[in-house]
Amino acid sequence: MNSLSKRLVATAAHCVHGGAGRDWHENWAFFPGYQGPGTGDDTAPYGVYNGVSALIFEEWLKMEEGASRLTHYDVAFMTTHLNPHGSRLVDEVGGHGLWNGGSYPFNATVFGYPQKLDNGNRMRVCKKGTYLTWSFLAYFYPTVYCKGFGLGASGSPFLHKYDPSTGLGYIRSVLSAGPESDLDISYGVFFDSRVVDDLLGGPVNP
């Protein structure tokens, strides 16, 4: 994601920390363009970017199991190391913009690695408009129907105004979870002033 440091990754909070009474996840790394074993492609075509530190809502650290499966706090931003060649993430692969607020329904392109498809080894894309059908604790969530997504796709960006010629767009949400009864439905955390001002401290400063 584009920022002053050029080293920021947006993801779901539960990909970084397990919630109340649990620890930070270790050995966090980002593999841009990853295509896993058996796909015929390099597993790390742009290098590996290990995590340095994460921005996360304090409320998430207090969330108990169950309630933490999908909340408006399930978002995190990870600052990454340089790759082994000394390159910053955004300098190497580009960075998405950040979209603050707006309507809950919006056109979205979702990229992720769902476990259900190719055992999570191949990136999948879903081009859908989001719709608003779910609310929790007075907060509303962008919702998208992506066939075969679900487990393993957490943290996937909901990109608005995605341009396939550049591979870039604006992140308006990250995939948090979905109903256990239908893994084709995915909910995302809406990026509003809480995310931009409270968590990031302003328009994408880290």
C-alpha atoms as a PDB file:
ATOM      1  CA  MET A   1       0.000   0.000   0.000  1.00  0.00           C
ATOM      2  CA  ASN A   2       1.298   3.468  -0.830  1.00  0.00           C
ATOM      3  CA  SER A   3       2.559   5.462   2.145  1.00  0.00           C
ATOM      4  CA  LEU A   4       5.451   7.730   3.078  1.00  0.00           C
ATOM      5  CA  SER A   5       7.615   4.752   4.006  1.00  0.00           C
ATOM      6  CA  LYS A   6       6.655   2.711   0.891  1.00  0.00           C
ATOM      7  CA  ARG A   7       6.708  -0.360   3.153  1.00  0.00           C
ATOM      8  CA  LEU A   8       3.106  -0.780   4.338  1.00  0.00           C
ATOM      9  CA  VAL A   9       0.789  -3.785   3.877  1.00  0.00           C
ATOM     10  CA  ALA A  10      -2.927  -3.779   4.742  1.00  0.00           C
ATOM     11  CA  THR A  11      -4.365  -7.009   6.157  1.00  0.00           C
ATOM     12  CA  ALA A  12      -6.828  -8.367   8.704  1.00  0.00           C
ATOM     13  CA  ALA A  13      -5.994  -7.992  12.390  1.00  0.00           C
ATOM     14  CA  HIS A  14      -6.503 -11.704  13.017  1.00  0.00           C
ATOM     15  CA  CYS A  15      -3.665 -12.356  10.535  1.00  0.00           C
ATOM     16  CA  VAL A  16      -1.383 -10.461  12.925  1.00  0.00           C
ATOM     17  CA  HIS A  17      -2.731 -11.108  16.449  1.00  0.00           C
ATOM     18  CA  GLY A  18      -5.105 -13.717  17.849  1.00  0.00           C
ATOM     19  CA  GLY A  19      -7.087 -11.445  20.157  1.00  0.00           C
ATOM     20  CA  ALA A  20      -7.566 -11.443  23.942  1.00  0.00           C
ATOM     21  CA  GLY A  21      -5.228 -13.784  25.818  1.00  0.00           C
ATOM     22  CA  ARG A  22      -3.313 -14.691  22.674  1.00  0.00           C
ATOM     23  CA  ASP A  23       0.037 -13.721  21.207  1.00  0.00           C
ATOM     24  CA  TRP A  24       1.286 -11.868  18.179  1.00  0.00           C
ATOM     25  CA  HIS A  25       1.756 -14.181  15.217  1.00  0.00           C
ATOM     26  CA  GLU A  26       5.409 -14.876  14.456  1.00  0.00           C
ATOM     27  CA  ASN A  27       7.382 -15.135  11.215  1.00  0.00           C
ATOM     28  CA  TRP A  28       4.964 -12.833   9.361  1.00  0.00           C
ATOM     29  CA  ALA A  29       6.013 -12.323   5.723  1.00  0.00           C
ATOM     30  CA  PHE A  30       4.536 -10.975   2.503  1.00  0.00           C
ATOM     31  CA  PHE A  31       5.215 -12.633  -0.863  1.00  0.00           C
ATOM     32  CA  PRO A  32       3.937 -10.325  -3.660  1.00  0.00           C
ATOM     33  CA  GLY A  33       2.757 -12.333  -6.658  1.00  0.00           C
ATOM     34  CA  TYR A  34       3.082 -15.625  -4.772  1.00  0.00           C
ATOM     35  CA  GLN A  35       2.265 -18.758  -6.744  1.00  0.00           C
ATOM     36  CA  GLY A  36       2.907 -21.846  -4.674  1.00  0.00           C
ATOM     37  CA  PRO A  37       4.399 -25.278  -5.308  1.00  0.00           C
ATOM     38  CA  GLY A  38       2.901 -27.110  -8.255  1.00  0.00           C
ATOM     39  CA  THR A  39       1.773 -23.977 -10.098  1.00  0.00           C
ATOM     40  CA  GLY A  40       4.828 -23.769 -12.337  1.00  0.00           C
ATOM     41  CA  ASP A  41       5.682 -20.237 -11.204  1.00  0.00           C
ATOM     42  CA  ASP A  42       8.292 -18.706  -8.916  1.00  0.00           C
ATOM     43  CA  THR A  43       6.953 -18.689  -5.362  1.00  0.00           C
ATOM     44  CA  ALA A  44       8.516 -15.276  -4.634  1.00  0.00           C
ATOM     45  CA  PRO A  45       8.968 -13.413  -7.960  1.00  0.00           C
ATOM     46  CA  TYR A  46       9.403 -10.022  -6.221  1.00  0.00           C
ATOM     47  CA  GLY A  47      11.206 -11.189  -3.113  1.00  0.00           C
ATOM     48  CA  VAL A  48      10.051 -11.747   0.454  1.00  0.00           C
ATOM     49  CA  TYR A  49       9.117  -8.854   2.751  1.00  0.00           C
ATOM     50  CA  ASN A  50       9.247  -9.795   6.434  1.00  0.00           C
ATOM     51  CA  GLY A  51       7.135  -7.910   8.943  1.00  0.00           C
ATOM     52  CA  VAL A  52       8.721  -5.335  11.268  1.00  0.00           C
ATOM     53  CA  SER A  53       5.837  -3.909  13.290  1.00  0.00           C
ATOM     54  CA  ALA A  54       2.058  -3.648  13.081  1.00  0.00           C
ATOM     55  CA  LEU A  55      -0.562  -0.975  13.649  1.00  0.00           C
ATOM     56  CA  ILE A  56      -3.644  -2.541  15.211  1.00  0.00           C
ATOM     57  CA  PHE A  57      -6.641  -1.330  17.212  1.00  0.00           C
ATOM     58  CA  GLU A  58      -6.215  -1.746  20.956  1.00  0.00           C
ATOM     59  CA  GLU A  59      -9.807  -2.978  21.035  1.00  0.00           C
ATOM     60  CA  TRP A  60      -8.813  -5.971  18.911  1.00  0.00           C
ATOM     61  CA  LEU A  61      -6.284  -7.033  21.539  1.00  0.00           C
ATOM     62  CA  LYS A  62      -9.185  -7.283  23.997  1.00  0.00           C
ATOM     63  CA  MET A  63     -11.591  -9.157  21.724  1.00  0.00           C
ATOM     64  CA  GLU A  64     -12.614 -12.586  22.978  1.00  0.00           C
ATOM     65  CA  GLU A  65     -12.968 -15.642  20.745  1.00  0.00           C
ATOM     66  CA  GLY A  66     -16.300 -15.611  18.914  1.00  0.00           C
ATOM     67  CA  ALA A  67     -16.860 -11.885  19.036  1.00  0.00           C
ATOM     68  CA  SER A  68     -13.496 -11.423  17.329  1.00  0.00           C
ATOM     69  CA  ARG A  69     -14.453 -13.491  14.279  1.00  0.00           C
ATOM     70  CA  LEU A  70     -15.851 -10.432  12.571  1.00  0.00           C
ATOM     71  CA  THR A  71     -15.704  -6.941  14.013  1.00  0.00           C
ATOM     72  CA  HIS A  72     -15.018  -3.419  12.877  1.00  0.00           C
ATOM     73  CA  TYR A  73     -11.575  -3.706  14.521  1.00  0.00           C
ATOM     74  CA  ASP A  74     -10.349  -6.573  12.325  1.00  0.00           C
ATOM     75  CA  VAL A  75      -7.827  -4.575  10.292  1.00  0.00           C
ATOM     76  CA  ALA A  76      -4.075  -4.106  10.615  1.00  0.00           C
ATOM     77  CA  PHE A  77      -1.225  -2.408   8.799  1.00  0.00           C
ATOM     78  CA  MET A  78       2.171  -4.111   8.764  1.00  0.00           C
ATOM     79  CA  THR A  79       5.423  -2.281   8.103  1.00  0.00           C
ATOM     80  CA  THR A  80       7.835  -4.531   6.224  1.00  0.00           C
ATOM     81  CA  HIS A  81      11.595  -4.892   6.002  1.00  0.00           C
ATOM     82  CA  LEU A  82      13.375  -4.301   2.725  1.00  0.00           C
ATOM     83  CA  ASN A  83      13.577  -7.401   0.552  1.00  0.00           C
ATOM     84  CA  PRO A  84      16.893  -9.310   0.301  1.00  0.00           C
ATOM     85  CA  HIS A  85      17.932  -7.031  -2.590  1.00  0.00           C
ATOM     86  CA  GLY A  86      17.434  -3.897  -0.489  1.00  0.00           C
ATOM     87  CA  SER A  87      14.235  -2.746  -2.212  1.00  0.00           C
ATOM     88  CA  ARG A  88      11.189  -1.237  -0.538  1.00  0.00           C
ATOM     89  CA  LEU A  89       7.891  -2.992  -1.221  1.00  0.00           C
ATOM     90  CA  VAL A  90       6.128  -0.170  -3.101  1.00  0.00           C
ATOM     91  CA  ASP A  91       9.240   0.672  -5.116  1.00  0.00           C
ATOM     92  CA  GLU A  92       9.316  -2.925  -6.320  1.00  0.00           C
ATOM     93  CA  VAL A  93       5.649  -3.698  -7.043  1.00  0.00           C
ATOM     94  CA  GLY A  94       3.693  -0.423  -6.663  1.00  0.00           C
ATOM     95  CA  GLY A  95       1.190   0.467  -3.965  1.00  0.00           C
ATOM     96  CA  HIS A  96      -2.578   0.762  -3.756  1.00  0.00           C
ATOM     97  CA  GLY A  97      -4.165   3.956  -2.554  1.00  0.00           C
ATOM     98  CA  LEU A  98      -6.423   4.179   0.499  1.00  0.00           C
ATOM     99  CA  TRP A  99     -10.088   5.180   0.159  1.00  0.00           C
ATOM    100  CA  ASN A 100     -11.702   6.742   3.194  1.00  0.00           C
ATOM    101  CA  GLY A 101     -15.470   6.558   3.671  1.00  0.00           C
ATOM    102  CA  GLY A 102     -18.071   6.853   0.928  1.00  0.00           C
ATOM    103  CA  SER A 103     -20.978   4.504   0.314  1.00  0.00           C
ATOM    104  CA  TYR A 104     -20.974   0.950   1.654  1.00  0.00           C
ATOM    105  CA  PRO A 105     -21.914  -0.599  -1.704  1.00  0.00           C
ATOM    106  CA  PHE A 106     -19.114  -0.045  -4.216  1.00  0.00           C
ATOM    107  CA  ASN A 107     -17.473  -1.791  -7.155  1.00  0.00           C
ATOM    108  CA  ALA A 108     -14.793  -4.116  -5.815  1.00  0.00           C
ATOM    109  CA  THR A 109     -12.074  -6.363  -7.184  1.00  0.00           C
ATOM    110  CA  VAL A 110     -10.933  -8.826  -4.539  1.00  0.00           C
ATOM    111  CA  PHE A 111      -7.606 -10.686  -4.688  1.00  0.00           C
ATOM    112  CA  GLY A 112      -6.800 -13.542  -2.343  1.00  0.00           C
ATOM    113  CA  TYR A 113      -5.510 -17.059  -1.781  1.00  0.00           C
ATOM    114  CA  PRO A 114      -8.541 -19.092  -0.643  1.00  0.00           C
ATOM    115  CA  GLN A 115      -7.652 -22.451   0.842  1.00  0.00           C
ATOM    116  CA  LYS A 116     -10.586 -24.076  -0.948  1.00  0.00           C
ATOM    117  CA  LEU A 117      -8.985 -23.425  -4.370  1.00  0.00           C
ATOM    118  CA  ASP A 118      -5.598 -25.029  -5.149  1.00  0.00           C
ATOM    119  CA  ASN A 119      -4.976 -25.388  -1.409  1.00  0.00           C
ATOM    120  CA  GLY A 120      -4.208 -21.665  -1.168  1.00  0.00           C
ATOM    121  CA  ASN A 121      -1.303 -21.825  -3.611  1.00  0.00           C
ATOM    122  CA  ARG A 122      -2.723 -19.688  -6.426  1.00  0.00           C
ATOM    123  CA  MET A 123      -3.995 -16.131  -6.332  1.00  0.00           C
ATOM    124  CA  ARG A 124      -7.653 -15.763  -7.264  1.00  0.00           C
ATOM    125  CA  VAL A 125      -9.564 -12.694  -8.353  1.00  0.00           C
ATOM    126  CA  CYS A 126     -13.230 -11.862  -7.854  1.00  0.00           C
ATOM    127  CA  LYS A 127     -14.797  -8.860  -9.609  1.00  0.00           C
ATOM    128  CA  LYS A 128     -18.042  -7.918  -7.912  1.00  0.00           C
ATOM    129  CA  GLY A 129     -19.957  -5.001  -6.565  1.00  0.00           C
ATOM    130  CA  THR A 130     -20.282  -5.047  -2.801  1.00  0.00           C
ATOM    131  CA  TYR A 131     -23.675  -4.936  -1.166  1.00  0.00           C
ATOM    132  CA  LEU A 132     -24.832  -4.216   2.356  1.00  0.00           C
ATOM    133  CA  THR A 133     -26.662  -7.063   4.067  1.00  0.00           C
ATOM    134  CA  TRP A 134     -24.947  -7.493   7.409  1.00  0.00           C
ATOM    135  CA  SER A 135     -24.546  -5.365  10.512  1.00  0.00           C
ATOM    136  CA  PHE A 136     -22.978  -6.072  13.888  1.00  0.00           C
ATOM    137  CA  LEU A 137     -22.845  -3.860  16.990  1.00  0.00           C
ATOM    138  CA  ALA A 138     -24.225  -0.929  14.978  1.00  0.00           C
ATOM    139  CA  TYR A 139     -21.487  -1.187  12.351  1.00  0.00           C
ATOM    140  CA  PHE A 140     -22.062  -2.166   8.730  1.00  0.00           C
ATOM    141  CA  TYR A 141     -19.850  -4.277   6.510  1.00  0.00           C
ATOM    142  CA  PRO A 142     -19.274  -4.369   2.753  1.00  0.00           C
ATOM    143  CA  THR A 143     -20.254  -7.853   1.606  1.00  0.00           C
ATOM    144  CA  VAL A 144     -19.228  -9.639  -1.574  1.00  0.00           C
ATOM    145  CA  TYR A 145     -20.155 -12.974  -3.164  1.00  0.00           C
ATOM    146  CA  CYS A 146     -16.925 -14.581  -4.388  1.00  0.00           C
ATOM    147  CA  LYS A 147     -17.290 -18.210  -5.446  1.00  0.00           C
ATOM    148  CA  GLY A 148     -14.748 -20.377  -3.678  1.00  0.00           C
ATOM    149  CA  PHE A 149     -13.346 -17.686  -1.399  1.00  0.00           C
ATOM    150  CA  GLY A 150     -13.594 -18.012   2.371  1.00  0.00           C
ATOM    151  CA  LEU A 151     -11.020 -19.699   4.591  1.00  0.00           C
ATOM    152  CA  GLY A 152      -7.476 -18.613   3.791  1.00  0.00           C
ATOM    153  CA  ALA A 153      -8.453 -15.406   2.006  1.00  0.00           C
ATOM    154  CA  SER A 154      -8.474 -13.233   5.143  1.00  0.00           C
ATOM    155  CA  GLY A 155      -6.842  -9.852   4.673  1.00  0.00           C
ATOM    156  CA  SER A 156      -7.565  -9.778   0.938  1.00  0.00           C
ATOM    157  CA  PRO A 157      -8.084  -6.195  -0.268  1.00  0.00           C
ATOM    158  CA  PHE A 158     -11.411  -4.953  -1.605  1.00  0.00           C
ATOM    159  CA  LEU A 159     -10.061  -2.721  -4.378  1.00  0.00           C
ATOM    160  CA  HIS A 160     -12.165   0.122  -5.769  1.00  0.00           C
ATOM    161  CA  LYS A 161     -11.401   1.635  -9.184  1.00  0.00           C
ATOM    162  CA  TYR A 162      -8.966  -1.191  -9.912  1.00  0.00           C
ATOM    163  CA  ASP A 163      -6.960  -0.625 -13.111  1.00  0.00           C
ATOM    164  CA  PRO A 164      -5.764  -3.911 -14.668  1.00  0.00           C
ATOM    165  CA  SER A 165      -3.205  -2.056 -16.795  1.00  0.00           C
ATOM    166  CA  THR A 166      -1.337  -0.908 -13.676  1.00  0.00           C
ATOM    167  CA  GLY A 167      -2.512  -3.563 -11.220  1.00  0.00           C
ATOM    168  CA  LEU A 168      -3.465  -0.822  -8.771  1.00  0.00           C
ATOM    169  CA  GLY A 169      -6.609   0.524  -7.149  1.00  0.00           C
ATOM    170  CA  TYR A 170      -7.885   1.932  -3.855  1.00  0.00           C
ATOM    171  CA  ILE A 171      -8.305  -0.240  -0.769  1.00  0.00           C
ATOM    172  CA  ARG A 172     -11.730   0.353   0.806  1.00  0.00           C
ATOM    173  CA  SER A 173     -11.891  -2.803   2.898  1.00  0.00           C
ATOM    174  CA  VAL A 174     -10.032  -5.998   3.767  1.00  0.00           C
ATOM    175  CA  LEU A 175     -11.685  -9.397   3.947  1.00  0.00           C
ATOM    176  CA  SER A 176     -12.408 -10.324   7.547  1.00  0.00           C
ATOM    177  CA  ALA A 177     -14.657 -13.398   7.560  1.00  0.00           C
ATOM    178  CA  GLY A 178     -17.924 -14.855   6.354  1.00  0.00           C
ATOM    179  CA  PRO A 179     -20.797 -17.018   7.574  1.00  0.00           C
ATOM    180  CA  GLU A 180     -19.778 -20.606   8.273  1.00  0.00           C
ATOM    181  CA  SER A 181     -22.909 -21.708   6.438  1.00  0.00           C
ATOM    182  CA  ASP A 182     -21.765 -20.175   3.129  1.00  0.00           C
ATOM    183  CA  LEU A 183     -18.038 -19.683   2.499  1.00  0.00           C
ATOM    184  CA  ASP A 184     -18.787 -17.990  -0.845  1.00  0.00           C
ATOM    185  CA  ILE A 185     -19.943 -14.874   1.042  1.00  0.00           C
ATOM    186  CA  SER A 186     -17.223 -12.638   2.464  1.00  0.00           C
ATOM    187  CA  TYR A 187     -17.476  -9.657   4.800  1.00  0.00           C
ATOM    188  CA  GLY A 188     -14.981  -6.814   4.950  1.00  0.00           C
ATOM    189  CA  VAL A 189     -14.088  -4.087   7.420  1.00  0.00           C
ATOM    190  CA  PHE A 190     -15.137  -0.713   6.025  1.00  0.00           C
ATOM    191  CA  PHE A 191     -12.318   1.832   5.854  1.00  0.00           C
ATOM    192  CA  ASP A 192     -13.639   4.988   7.495  1.00  0.00           C
ATOM    193  CA  SER A 193     -12.216   7.752   9.697  1.00  0.00           C
ATOM    194  CA  ARG A 194     -11.475   5.220  12.458  1.00  0.00           C
ATOM    195  CA  VAL A 195      -9.023   3.465  10.177  1.00  0.00           C
ATOM    196  CA  VAL A 196      -7.450   6.541   8.587  1.00  0.00           C
ATOM    197  CA  ASP A 197      -7.384   8.961  11.532  1.00  0.00           C
ATOM    198  CA  ASP A 198      -7.425   6.748  14.632  1.00  0.00           C
ATOM    199  CA  LEU A 199      -5.270   3.846  13.450  1.00  0.00           C
ATOM    200  CA  LEU A 200      -3.010   5.394  10.811  1.00  0.00           C
ATOM    201  CA  GLY A 201      -2.933   8.854  12.376  1.00  0.00           C
ATOM    202  CA  GLY A 202      -3.812  10.659   9.171  1.00  0.00           C
ATOM    203  CA  PRO A 203      -3.796  10.124   5.395  1.00  0.00           C
ATOM    204  CA  VAL A 204      -1.423   7.154   5.087  1.00  0.00           C
ATOM    205  CA  ASN A 205       1.552   8.477   7.055  1.00  0.00           C
ATOM    206  CA  PRO A 206       3.499   5.384   8.241  1.00  0.00           C
END
